[in-house]
Amino acid sequence: ADAARTAARQAAIGQDDYAGAAQRVAGGVSLGVEQGELTCVTAARPVPGPLGGLGLTARARACAYTEPSSP
């Protein structure tokens, strides 16, 4: 959840390195981004341990209002 929240905040203000920010918070996560009035980021990574062997994936989603871009 922290990786998704961090990446959503970074992407919403127009920062290009939102993926790097998510990696610094949570390590190896994959991200999906949807932008419009809200910027929503979904972070996912395989579940560690025995449940990971079953192919389970942990996902978190966070949204932030998209900041207006400068002219």
PDB file of N, CA and C in Angstrom:
ATOM      1  N   ALA A   1       0.825  -1.189   0.000  1.00  0.00           N
ATOM      2  CA  ALA A   1       0.000   0.000   0.000  1.00  0.00           C
ATOM      3  C   ALA A   1       0.868   1.250   0.000  1.00  0.00           C
ATOM      4  N   ASP A   2       2.006   1.221   0.703  1.00  0.00           N
ATOM      5  CA  ASP A   2       2.877   2.395   0.740  1.00  0.00           C
ATOM      6  C   ASP A   2       3.452   2.705  -0.633  1.00  0.00           C
ATOM      7  N   ALA A   3       3.814   1.668  -1.389  1.00  0.00           N
ATOM      8  CA  ALA A   3       4.364   1.884  -2.731  1.00  0.00           C
ATOM      9  C   ALA A   3       3.323   2.514  -3.641  1.00  0.00           C
ATOM     10  N   ALA A   4       2.093   2.028  -3.598  1.00  0.00           N
ATOM     11  CA  ALA A   4       1.025   2.586  -4.431  1.00  0.00           C
ATOM     12  C   ALA A   4       0.744   4.031  -4.045  1.00  0.00           C
ATOM     13  N   ARG A   5       0.693   4.318  -2.768  1.00  0.00           N
ATOM     14  CA  ARG A   5       0.411   5.673  -2.286  1.00  0.00           C
ATOM     15  C   ARG A   5       1.530   6.635  -2.700  1.00  0.00           C
ATOM     16  N   THR A   6       2.767   6.217  -2.524  1.00  0.00           N
ATOM     17  CA  THR A   6       3.906   7.059  -2.893  1.00  0.00           C
ATOM     18  C   THR A   6       3.921   7.332  -4.389  1.00  0.00           C
ATOM     19  N   ALA A   7       3.731   6.294  -5.188  1.00  0.00           N
ATOM     20  CA  ALA A   7       3.744   6.458  -6.641  1.00  0.00           C
ATOM     21  C   ALA A   7       2.579   7.324  -7.111  1.00  0.00           C
ATOM     22  N   ALA A   8       1.406   7.169  -6.516  1.00  0.00           N
ATOM     23  CA  ALA A   8       0.247   7.978  -6.910  1.00  0.00           C
ATOM     24  C   ALA A   8       0.505   9.455  -6.631  1.00  0.00           C
ATOM     25  N   ARG A   9       1.083   9.757  -5.498  1.00  0.00           N
ATOM     26  CA  ARG A   9       1.383  11.156  -5.171  1.00  0.00           C
ATOM     27  C   ARG A   9       2.393  11.740  -6.152  1.00  0.00           C
ATOM     28  N   GLN A  10       3.441  10.968  -6.447  1.00  0.00           N
ATOM     29  CA  GLN A  10       4.470  11.443  -7.371  1.00  0.00           C
ATOM     30  C   GLN A  10       3.910  11.638  -8.778  1.00  0.00           C
ATOM     31  N   ALA A  11       3.140  10.672  -9.262  1.00  0.00           N
ATOM     32  CA  ALA A  11       2.567  10.766 -10.607  1.00  0.00           C
ATOM     33  C   ALA A  11       1.555  11.901 -10.692  1.00  0.00           C
ATOM     34  N   ALA A  12       0.783  12.128  -9.643  1.00  0.00           N
ATOM     35  CA  ALA A  12      -0.250  13.170  -9.647  1.00  0.00           C
ATOM     36  C   ALA A  12       0.336  14.572  -9.765  1.00  0.00           C
ATOM     37  N   ILE A  13       1.549  14.761  -9.265  1.00  0.00           N
ATOM     38  CA  ILE A  13       2.170  16.085  -9.373  1.00  0.00           C
ATOM     39  C   ILE A  13       3.072  16.188 -10.598  1.00  0.00           C
ATOM     40  N   GLY A  14       3.080  15.151 -11.424  1.00  0.00           N
ATOM     41  CA  GLY A  14       3.817  15.203 -12.682  1.00  0.00           C
ATOM     42  C   GLY A  14       5.250  14.728 -12.620  1.00  0.00           C
ATOM     43  N   GLN A  15       5.655  14.090 -11.533  1.00  0.00           N
ATOM     44  CA  GLN A  15       7.016  13.564 -11.432  1.00  0.00           C
ATOM     45  C   GLN A  15       7.166  12.333 -12.321  1.00  0.00           C
ATOM     46  N   ASP A  16       8.247  12.278 -13.085  1.00  0.00           N
ATOM     47  CA  ASP A  16       8.464  11.153 -13.990  1.00  0.00           C
ATOM     48  C   ASP A  16       8.951   9.899 -13.277  1.00  0.00           C
ATOM     49  N   ASP A  17       9.623  10.055 -12.143  1.00  0.00           N
ATOM     50  CA  ASP A  17      10.232   8.899 -11.480  1.00  0.00           C
ATOM     51  C   ASP A  17       9.341   8.311 -10.394  1.00  0.00           C
ATOM     52  N   TYR A  18       8.044   8.197 -10.668  1.00  0.00           N
ATOM     53  CA  TYR A  18       7.149   7.599  -9.673  1.00  0.00           C
ATOM     54  C   TYR A  18       7.475   6.127  -9.458  1.00  0.00           C
ATOM     55  N   ALA A  19       7.945   5.438 -10.503  1.00  0.00           N
ATOM     56  CA  ALA A  19       8.313   4.023 -10.352  1.00  0.00           C
ATOM     57  C   ALA A  19       9.522   3.883  -9.428  1.00  0.00           C
ATOM     58  N   GLY A  20      10.492   4.762  -9.570  1.00  0.00           N
ATOM     59  CA  GLY A  20      11.658   4.742  -8.694  1.00  0.00           C
ATOM     60  C   GLY A  20      11.280   4.994  -7.247  1.00  0.00           C
ATOM     61  N   ALA A  21      10.339   5.902  -7.041  1.00  0.00           N
ATOM     62  CA  ALA A  21       9.873   6.188  -5.678  1.00  0.00           C
ATOM     63  C   ALA A  21       9.219   4.955  -5.072  1.00  0.00           C
ATOM     64  N   ALA A  22       8.407   4.258  -5.855  1.00  0.00           N
ATOM     65  CA  ALA A  22       7.752   3.037  -5.363  1.00  0.00           C
ATOM     66  C   ALA A  22       8.779   1.954  -5.056  1.00  0.00           C
ATOM     67  N   GLN A  23       9.802   1.832  -5.893  1.00  0.00           N
ATOM     68  CA  GLN A  23      10.847   0.833  -5.666  1.00  0.00           C
ATOM     69  C   GLN A  23      11.609   1.124  -4.376  1.00  0.00           C
ATOM     70  N   ARG A  24      11.869   2.395  -4.108  1.00  0.00           N
ATOM     71  CA  ARG A  24      12.588   2.754  -2.875  1.00  0.00           C
ATOM     72  C   ARG A  24      11.763   2.421  -1.635  1.00  0.00           C
ATOM     73  N   VAL A  25      10.447   2.516  -1.740  1.00  0.00           N
ATOM     74  CA  VAL A  25       9.573   2.241  -0.599  1.00  0.00           C
ATOM     75  C   VAL A  25       9.380   0.750  -0.385  1.00  0.00           C
ATOM     76  N   ALA A  26       9.164  -0.006  -1.469  1.00  0.00           N
ATOM     77  CA  ALA A  26       8.736  -1.398  -1.308  1.00  0.00           C
ATOM     78  C   ALA A  26       9.553  -2.422  -2.083  1.00  0.00           C
ATOM     79  N   GLY A  27      10.638  -2.026  -2.688  1.00  0.00           N
ATOM     80  CA  GLY A  27      11.418  -3.006  -3.436  1.00  0.00           C
ATOM     81  C   GLY A  27      10.773  -3.347  -4.766  1.00  0.00           C
ATOM     82  N   GLY A  28      10.874  -4.603  -5.172  1.00  0.00           N
ATOM     83  CA  GLY A  28      10.430  -5.035  -6.491  1.00  0.00           C
ATOM     84  C   GLY A  28       8.931  -5.113  -6.660  1.00  0.00           C
ATOM     85  N   VAL A  29       8.319  -4.032  -7.089  1.00  0.00           N
ATOM     86  CA  VAL A  29       6.881  -4.026  -7.368  1.00  0.00           C
ATOM     87  C   VAL A  29       6.670  -3.631  -8.823  1.00  0.00           C
ATOM     88  N   SER A  30       5.592  -4.124  -9.407  1.00  0.00           N
ATOM     89  CA  SER A  30       5.200  -3.658 -10.734  1.00  0.00           C
ATOM     90  C   SER A  30       4.061  -2.668 -10.550  1.00  0.00           C
ATOM     91  N   LEU A  31       3.991  -1.688 -11.445  1.00  0.00           N
ATOM     92  CA  LEU A  31       3.008  -0.620 -11.306  1.00  0.00           C
ATOM     93  C   LEU A  31       2.129  -0.507 -12.540  1.00  0.00           C
ATOM     94  N   GLY A  32       0.883  -0.165 -12.307  1.00  0.00           N
ATOM     95  CA  GLY A  32      -0.047   0.208 -13.368  1.00  0.00           C
ATOM     96  C   GLY A  32      -0.580   1.584 -13.026  1.00  0.00           C
ATOM     97  N   VAL A  33      -0.628   2.489 -14.011  1.00  0.00           N
ATOM     98  CA  VAL A  33      -1.048   3.866 -13.760  1.00  0.00           C
ATOM     99  C   VAL A  33      -2.211   4.232 -14.672  1.00  0.00           C
ATOM    100  N   GLU A  34      -3.226   4.858 -14.096  1.00  0.00           N
ATOM    101  CA  GLU A  34      -4.352   5.409 -14.846  1.00  0.00           C
ATOM    102  C   GLU A  34      -4.431   6.888 -14.501  1.00  0.00           C
ATOM    103  N   GLN A  35      -4.471   7.743 -15.538  1.00  0.00           N
ATOM    104  CA  GLN A  35      -4.524   9.180 -15.270  1.00  0.00           C
ATOM    105  C   GLN A  35      -5.744   9.812 -15.905  1.00  0.00           C
ATOM    106  N   GLY A  36      -6.284  10.758 -15.227  1.00  0.00           N
ATOM    107  CA  GLY A  36      -7.436  11.546 -15.629  1.00  0.00           C
ATOM    108  C   GLY A  36      -7.581  12.623 -14.571  1.00  0.00           C
ATOM    109  N   GLU A  37      -8.798  12.871 -14.105  1.00  0.00           N
ATOM    110  CA  GLU A  37      -8.984  13.806 -12.993  1.00  0.00           C
ATOM    111  C   GLU A  37      -8.283  13.268 -11.746  1.00  0.00           C
ATOM    112  N   LEU A  38      -8.310  11.953 -11.603  1.00  0.00           N
ATOM    113  CA  LEU A  38      -7.552  11.264 -10.554  1.00  0.00           C
ATOM    114  C   LEU A  38      -6.405  10.509 -11.194  1.00  0.00           C
ATOM    115  N   THR A  39      -5.288  10.433 -10.485  1.00  0.00           N
ATOM    116  CA  THR A  39      -4.195   9.562 -10.888  1.00  0.00           C
ATOM    117  C   THR A  39      -4.237   8.374  -9.948  1.00  0.00           C
ATOM    118  N   CYS A  40      -4.452   7.179 -10.509  1.00  0.00           N
ATOM    119  CA  CYS A  40      -4.546   5.959  -9.700  1.00  0.00           C
ATOM    120  C   CYS A  40      -3.399   5.027 -10.061  1.00  0.00           C
ATOM    121  N   VAL A  41      -2.763   4.498  -9.049  1.00  0.00           N
ATOM    122  CA  VAL A  41      -1.641   3.581  -9.234  1.00  0.00           C
ATOM    123  C   VAL A  41      -1.961   2.271  -8.535  1.00  0.00           C
ATOM    124  N   THR A  42      -1.736   1.175  -9.254  1.00  0.00           N
ATOM    125  CA  THR A  42      -1.858  -0.155  -8.673  1.00  0.00           C
ATOM    126  C   THR A  42      -0.459  -0.746  -8.585  1.00  0.00           C
ATOM    127  N   ALA A  43      -0.052  -1.150  -7.398  1.00  0.00           N
ATOM    128  CA  ALA A  43       1.242  -1.795  -7.175  1.00  0.00           C
ATOM    129  C   ALA A  43       0.993  -3.271  -6.900  1.00  0.00           C
ATOM    130  N   ALA A  44       1.831  -4.122  -7.483  1.00  0.00           N
ATOM    131  CA  ALA A  44       1.660  -5.566  -7.299  1.00  0.00           C
ATOM    132  C   ALA A  44       3.017  -6.245  -7.202  1.00  0.00           C
ATOM    133  N   ARG A  45       3.038  -7.327  -6.433  1.00  0.00           N
ATOM    134  CA  ARG A  45       4.224  -8.186  -6.385  1.00  0.00           C
ATOM    135  C   ARG A  45       3.806  -9.555  -5.884  1.00  0.00           C
ATOM    136  N   PRO A  46       4.571 -10.581  -6.238  1.00  0.00           N
ATOM    137  CA  PRO A  46       4.233 -11.933  -5.778  1.00  0.00           C
ATOM    138  C   PRO A  46       4.292 -12.024  -4.257  1.00  0.00           C
ATOM    139  N   VAL A  47       3.397 -12.805  -3.695  1.00  0.00           N
ATOM    140  CA  VAL A  47       3.379 -13.037  -2.254  1.00  0.00           C
ATOM    141  C   VAL A  47       4.583 -13.914  -1.899  1.00  0.00           C
ATOM    142  N   PRO A  48       5.360 -13.549  -0.863  1.00  0.00           N
ATOM    143  CA  PRO A  48       6.504 -14.374  -0.480  1.00  0.00           C
ATOM    144  C   PRO A  48       6.066 -15.632   0.272  1.00  0.00           C
ATOM    145  N   GLY A  49       6.989 -16.545   0.409  1.00  0.00           N
ATOM    146  CA  GLY A  49       6.732 -17.750   1.195  1.00  0.00           C
ATOM    147  C   GLY A  49       5.927 -18.794   0.457  1.00  0.00           C
ATOM    148  N   PRO A  50       5.360 -19.738   1.199  1.00  0.00           N
ATOM    149  CA  PRO A  50       4.645 -20.861   0.592  1.00  0.00           C
ATOM    150  C   PRO A  50       3.467 -20.433  -0.286  1.00  0.00           C
ATOM    151  N   LEU A  51       2.772 -19.366   0.095  1.00  0.00           N
ATOM    152  CA  LEU A  51       1.640 -18.926  -0.714  1.00  0.00           C
ATOM    153  C   LEU A  51       2.086 -18.378  -2.062  1.00  0.00           C
ATOM    154  N   GLY A  52       3.292 -17.854  -2.121  1.00  0.00           N
ATOM    155  CA  GLY A  52       3.830 -17.376  -3.388  1.00  0.00           C
ATOM    156  C   GLY A  52       3.993 -18.505  -4.384  1.00  0.00           C
ATOM    157  N   GLY A  53       4.271 -19.694  -3.881  1.00  0.00           N
ATOM    158  CA  GLY A  53       4.389 -20.860  -4.748  1.00  0.00           C
ATOM    159  C   GLY A  53       3.077 -21.227  -5.409  1.00  0.00           C
ATOM    160  N   LEU A  54       1.982 -20.736  -4.869  1.00  0.00           N
ATOM    161  CA  LEU A  54       0.666 -20.991  -5.462  1.00  0.00           C
ATOM    162  C   LEU A  54       0.299 -19.943  -6.507  1.00  0.00           C
ATOM    163  N   GLY A  55       1.210 -18.996  -6.751  1.00  0.00           N
ATOM    164  CA  GLY A  55       0.959 -17.966  -7.750  1.00  0.00           C
ATOM    165  C   GLY A  55       0.141 -16.791  -7.257  1.00  0.00           C
ATOM    166  N   LEU A  56       0.056 -16.604  -5.935  1.00  0.00           N
ATOM    167  CA  LEU A  56      -0.712 -15.485  -5.396  1.00  0.00           C
ATOM    168  C   LEU A  56       0.064 -14.173  -5.535  1.00  0.00           C
ATOM    169  N   THR A  57      -0.660 -13.105  -5.792  1.00  0.00           N
ATOM    170  CA  THR A  57      -0.075 -11.779  -5.947  1.00  0.00           C
ATOM    171  C   THR A  57      -0.760 -10.810  -4.990  1.00  0.00           C
ATOM    172  N   ALA A  58       0.046 -10.008  -4.305  1.00  0.00           N
ATOM    173  CA  ALA A  58      -0.492  -8.950  -3.435  1.00  0.00           C
ATOM    174  C   ALA A  58      -0.613  -7.676  -4.267  1.00  0.00           C
ATOM    175  N   ARG A  59      -1.753  -6.993  -4.155  1.00  0.00           N
ATOM    176  CA  ARG A  59      -1.986  -5.757  -4.899  1.00  0.00           C
ATOM    177  C   ARG A  59      -2.507  -4.676  -3.959  1.00  0.00           C
ATOM    178  N   ALA A  60      -2.127  -3.447  -4.258  1.00  0.00           N
ATOM    179  CA  ALA A  60      -2.652  -2.284  -3.535  1.00  0.00           C
ATOM    180  C   ALA A  60      -2.906  -1.184  -4.556  1.00  0.00           C
ATOM    181  N   ARG A  61      -3.943  -0.385  -4.317  1.00  0.00           N
ATOM    182  CA  ARG A  61      -4.298   0.701  -5.233  1.00  0.00           C
ATOM    183  C   ARG A  61      -4.463   1.987  -4.430  1.00  0.00           C
ATOM    184  N   ALA A  62      -3.923   3.063  -4.973  1.00  0.00           N
ATOM    185  CA  ALA A  62      -4.061   4.379  -4.346  1.00  0.00           C
ATOM    186  C   ALA A  62      -4.325   5.415  -5.427  1.00  0.00           C
ATOM    187  N   CYS A  63      -5.124   6.426  -5.080  1.00  0.00           N
ATOM    188  CA  CYS A  63      -5.467   7.496  -6.024  1.00  0.00           C
ATOM    189  C   CYS A  63      -5.200   8.853  -5.386  1.00  0.00           C
ATOM    190  N   ALA A  64      -4.840   9.806  -6.224  1.00  0.00           N
ATOM    191  CA  ALA A  64      -4.652  11.194  -5.789  1.00  0.00           C
ATOM    192  C   ALA A  64      -5.179  12.094  -6.897  1.00  0.00           C
ATOM    193  N   TYR A  65      -5.700  13.260  -6.526  1.00  0.00           N
ATOM    194  CA  TYR A  65      -6.151  14.211  -7.542  1.00  0.00           C
ATOM    195  C   TYR A  65      -4.963  14.649  -8.387  1.00  0.00           C
ATOM    196  N   THR A  66      -5.141  14.645  -9.699  1.00  0.00           N
ATOM    197  CA  THR A  66      -4.089  15.057 -10.618  1.00  0.00           C
ATOM    198  C   THR A  66      -3.922  16.570 -10.540  1.00  0.00           C
ATOM    199  N   GLU A  67      -2.698  17.005 -10.315  1.00  0.00           N
ATOM    200  CA  GLU A  67      -2.406  18.436 -10.251  1.00  0.00           C
ATOM    201  C   GLU A  67      -2.402  19.006 -11.664  1.00  0.00           C
ATOM    202  N   PRO A  68      -2.876  20.235 -11.831  1.00  0.00           N
ATOM    203  CA  PRO A  68      -2.829  20.850 -13.160  1.00  0.00           C
ATOM    204  C   PRO A  68      -1.384  21.023 -13.605  1.00  0.00           C
ATOM    205  N   SER A  69      -1.138  20.810 -14.882  1.00  0.00           N
ATOM    206  CA  SER A  69       0.222  20.965 -15.393  1.00  0.00           C
ATOM    207  C   SER A  69       0.492  22.434 -15.697  1.00  0.00           C
ATOM    208  N   SER A  70       1.737  22.818 -15.604  1.00  0.00           N
ATOM    209  CA  SER A  70       2.127  24.201 -15.881  1.00  0.00           C
ATOM    210  C   SER A  70       2.123  24.438 -17.384  1.00  0.00           C
ATOM    211  N   PRO A  71       1.759  25.646 -17.823  1.00  0.00           N
ATOM    212  CA  PRO A  71       1.752  25.938 -19.273  1.00  0.00           C
ATOM    213  C   PRO A  71       3.126  26.009 -19.853  1.00  0.00           C
TER     214      PRO A  71
END
